[in-house]
C-alpha atoms as a PDB file:
ATOM      1  CA  UNK A   1       0.166   0.188   0.092  1.00  0.00           C
ATOM      2  CA  UNK A   2       3.096   2.480   0.453  1.00  0.00           C
ATOM      3  CA  UNK A   3       3.913   2.216  -2.978  1.00  0.00           C
ATOM      4  CA  UNK A   4       0.475   2.696  -4.020  1.00  0.00           C
ATOM      5  CA  UNK A   5       0.486   6.103  -2.093  1.00  0.00           C
ATOM      6  CA  UNK A   6       3.787   7.159  -2.835  1.00  0.00           C
ATOM      7  CA  UNK A   7       3.500   6.795  -6.848  1.00  0.00           C
ATOM      8  CA  UNK A   8       0.025   9.104  -6.124  1.00  0.00           C
ATOM      9  CA  UNK A   9       1.459  11.747  -3.901  1.00  0.00           C
ATOM     10  CA  UNK A  10       2.071  14.224  -6.780  1.00  0.00           C
ATOM     11  CA  UNK A  11      -0.883  13.632  -8.579  1.00  0.00           C
ATOM     12  CA  UNK A  12      -3.209  14.185  -5.695  1.00  0.00           C
ATOM     13  CA  UNK A  13      -1.656  17.345  -4.725  1.00  0.00           C
ATOM     14  CA  UNK A  14      -2.096  18.455  -8.308  1.00  0.00           C
ATOM     15  CA  UNK A  15      -6.076  17.435  -7.810  1.00  0.00           C
ATOM     16  CA  UNK A  16      -6.103  19.513  -4.441  1.00  0.00           C
ATOM     17  CA  UNK A  17      -4.020  22.472  -6.113  1.00  0.00           C
ATOM     18  CA  UNK A  18      -7.080  22.543  -9.023  1.00  0.00           C
ATOM     19  CA  UNK A  19     -10.290  20.947  -7.179  1.00  0.00           C
ATOM     20  CA  UNK A  20      -9.824  21.755  -3.725  1.00  0.00           C
ATOM     21  CA  UNK A  21      -9.628  20.169  -0.373  1.00  0.00           C
ATOM     22  CA  UNK A  22     -12.737  18.831   0.404  1.00  0.00           C
ATOM     23  CA  UNK A  23     -13.453  17.408  -3.226  1.00  0.00           C
ATOM     24  CA  UNK A  24      -9.747  15.268  -2.934  1.00  0.00           C
ATOM     25  CA  UNK A  25     -10.705  14.216   0.155  1.00  0.00           C
ATOM     26  CA  UNK A  26     -13.928  13.077  -0.614  1.00  0.00           C
ATOM     27  CA  UNK A  27     -12.766  11.362  -3.796  1.00  0.00           C
ATOM     28  CA  UNK A  28      -9.950  10.213  -2.254  1.00  0.00           C
ATOM     29  CA  UNK A  29     -12.442   8.284   0.862  1.00  0.00           C
ATOM     30  CA  UNK A  30     -14.687   6.999  -0.867  1.00  0.00           C
ATOM     31  CA  UNK A  31     -12.407   5.002  -4.039  1.00  0.00           C
ATOM     32  CA  UNK A  32     -10.722   3.700  -1.096  1.00  0.00           C
ATOM     33  CA  UNK A  33     -13.901   2.368   0.792  1.00  0.00           C
ATOM     34  CA  UNK A  34     -14.783   0.833  -2.763  1.00  0.00           C
ATOM     35  CA  UNK A  35     -11.594  -0.639  -3.253  1.00  0.00           C
ATOM     36  CA  UNK A  36     -11.599  -2.366  -0.050  1.00  0.00           C
ATOM     37  CA  UNK A  37     -15.152  -3.466  -0.234  1.00  0.00           C
ATOM     38  CA  UNK A  38     -13.945  -5.279  -3.741  1.00  0.00           C
ATOM     39  CA  UNK A  39     -10.852  -7.186  -2.274  1.00  0.00           C
ATOM     40  CA  UNK A  40     -13.190  -7.924   0.623  1.00  0.00           C
ATOM     41  CA  UNK A  41     -15.870  -9.566  -1.957  1.00  0.00           C
ATOM     42  CA  UNK A  42     -13.004 -10.999  -4.476  1.00  0.00           C
ATOM     43  CA  UNK A  43      -9.792 -11.318  -3.271  1.00  0.00           C
ATOM     44  CA  UNK A  44     -10.009 -13.073   0.485  1.00  0.00           C
ATOM     45  CA  UNK A  45      -9.425 -17.018   0.948  1.00  0.00           C
ATOM     46  CA  UNK A  46     -13.269 -17.102   1.644  1.00  0.00           C
ATOM     47  CA  UNK A  47     -14.243 -15.476  -1.645  1.00  0.00           C
ATOM     48  CA  UNK A  48     -12.059 -17.170  -3.895  1.00  0.00           C
ATOM     49  CA  UNK A  49     -12.243 -20.700  -5.480  1.00  0.00           C
ATOM     50  CA  UNK A  50      -9.193 -21.517  -6.557  1.00  0.00           C
ATOM     51  CA  UNK A  51      -7.419 -19.434  -3.143  1.00  0.00           C
ATOM     52  CA  UNK A  52      -5.705 -15.897  -3.051  1.00  0.00           C
ATOM     53  CA  UNK A  53      -3.770 -15.240  -5.938  1.00  0.00           C
ATOM     54  CA  UNK A  54      -1.182 -12.868  -4.496  1.00  0.00           C
ATOM     55  CA  UNK A  55      -0.669 -10.856  -7.319  1.00  0.00           C
ATOM     56  CA  UNK A  56      -3.693  -9.962  -7.985  1.00  0.00           C
ATOM     57  CA  UNK A  57      -4.273  -8.760  -3.856  1.00  0.00           C
ATOM     58  CA  UNK A  58      -0.875  -7.316  -3.848  1.00  0.00           C
ATOM     59  CA  UNK A  59      -1.732  -4.889  -7.272  1.00  0.00           C
ATOM     60  CA  UNK A  60      -5.458  -4.145  -5.400  1.00  0.00           C
ATOM     61  CA  UNK A  61      -3.549  -3.113  -2.249  1.00  0.00           C
ATOM     62  CA  UNK A  62      -1.385  -0.749  -4.305  1.00  0.00           C
ATOM     63  CA  UNK A  63      -4.311   0.324  -5.927  1.00  0.00           C
ATOM     64  CA  UNK A  64      -5.875   1.333  -3.071  1.00  0.00           C
ATOM     65  CA  UNK A  65      -3.095   2.736  -1.389  1.00  0.00           C
ATOM     66  CA  UNK A  66      -3.241   5.087  -4.056  1.00  0.00           C
ATOM     67  CA  UNK A  67      -6.643   6.034  -3.665  1.00  0.00           C
ATOM     68  CA  UNK A  68      -5.606   6.773   0.292  1.00  0.00           C
ATOM     69  CA  UNK A  69      -3.280   9.005  -0.958  1.00  0.00           C
ATOM     70  CA  UNK A  70      -5.350  11.591  -1.154  1.00  0.00           C
ATOM     71  CA  UNK A  71      -5.447  11.971   2.192  1.00  0.00           C
ATOM     72  CA  UNK A  72      -1.622  13.054   2.782  1.00  0.00           C
ATOM     73  CA  UNK A  73      -2.341  15.650   0.267  1.00  0.00           C
ATOM     74  CA  UNK A  74      -5.703  17.498   1.147  1.00  0.00           C
ATOM     75  CA  UNK A  75      -5.217  17.081   4.878  1.00  0.00           C
ATOM     76  CA  UNK A  76      -1.960  18.699   4.903  1.00  0.00           C
ATOM     77  CA  UNK A  77      -3.161  21.936   2.431  1.00  0.00           C
ATOM     78  CA  UNK A  78      -5.864  21.908   5.415  1.00  0.00           C
ATOM     79  CA  UNK A  79      -3.966  22.032   8.201  1.00  0.00           C
ATOM     80  CA  UNK A  80      -2.026  24.916   6.922  1.00  0.00           C
ATOM     81  CA  UNK A  81      -4.907  26.865   5.718  1.00  0.00           C
ATOM     82  CA  UNK A  82      -6.913  26.475   9.180  1.00  0.00           C
ATOM     83  CA  UNK A  83      -4.489  27.098  12.152  1.00  0.00           C
ATOM     84  CA  UNK A  84      -2.172  29.910  12.605  1.00  0.00           C
ATOM     85  CA  UNK A  85       1.775  29.672  12.797  1.00  0.00           C
ATOM     86  CA  UNK A  86       1.563  28.974  16.583  1.00  0.00           C
ATOM     87  CA  UNK A  87      -0.840  25.924  16.555  1.00  0.00           C
ATOM     88  CA  UNK A  88       0.254  24.796  13.189  1.00  0.00           C
ATOM     89  CA  UNK A  89       2.909  22.346  15.058  1.00  0.00           C
ATOM     90  CA  UNK A  90       0.656  20.805  17.052  1.00  0.00           C
ATOM     91  CA  UNK A  91      -2.126  20.270  14.475  1.00  0.00           C
ATOM     92  CA  UNK A  92       0.797  18.086  12.040  1.00  0.00           C
ATOM     93  CA  UNK A  93       1.482  16.430  14.725  1.00  0.00           C
ATOM     94  CA  UNK A  94      -1.867  15.081  15.484  1.00  0.00           C
ATOM     95  CA  UNK A  95      -2.144  14.508  11.722  1.00  0.00           C
ATOM     96  CA  UNK A  96       0.765  12.344  11.545  1.00  0.00           C
ATOM     97  CA  UNK A  97       0.221  10.211  14.358  1.00  0.00           C
ATOM     98  CA  UNK A  98      -3.654   9.660  13.723  1.00  0.00           C
ATOM     99  CA  UNK A  99      -2.751   7.345  10.721  1.00  0.00           C
ATOM    100  CA  UNK A 100      -0.468   4.649  12.826  1.00  0.00           C
ATOM    101  CA  UNK A 101      -2.608   4.895  15.851  1.00  0.00           C
ATOM    102  CA  UNK A 102      -5.364   3.975  14.077  1.00  0.00           C
ATOM    103  CA  UNK A 103      -3.534   0.916  12.437  1.00  0.00           C
ATOM    104  CA  UNK A 104      -2.847   0.302  15.978  1.00  0.00           C
ATOM    105  CA  UNK A 105      -6.323   0.543  17.392  1.00  0.00           C
ATOM    106  CA  UNK A 106      -8.018  -1.690  14.343  1.00  0.00           C
ATOM    107  CA  UNK A 107      -5.585  -4.419  14.797  1.00  0.00           C
ATOM    108  CA  UNK A 108      -6.153  -4.572  18.110  1.00  0.00           C
ATOM    109  CA  UNK A 109      -9.870  -4.611  17.816  1.00  0.00           C
ATOM    110  CA  UNK A 110     -10.258  -6.454  14.378  1.00  0.00           C
ATOM    111  CA  UNK A 111      -8.530  -9.906  15.294  1.00  0.00           C
END
C-alpha cells in the first residue's frame, strides 16, 4: 500500500490545487472504500474459489494505497490553511500520528 501512496502523491497534490481539499479528500476516501470492499468481496480466501492470487491481491492493495494517498495532500493543505503559525506544529503532529494510532487500534480490535 505504501508503494501506491508514494506513486500517487504528486497527482493528488495537483488535484488538490485544482479541485480543493474537500473534493479530493471525499474522492480519495470513497475510492478507497470501494476498493477495500472489492478486495473483501473477491480477493479473500473465503471469496476465492481457486485460492488467493497474491499478485492480484498485491496489485489491488497498491491501487487502494494510491487512492488513500489523497489523505496526505488534502489534509496537509487543510491544516496549513485552518491553523495559525502558533498552532500548526501541534495540528500537524496530531495529523501525522492519527494514521499509525488508527492502525494500532484497528489491529487490536479486528481479530
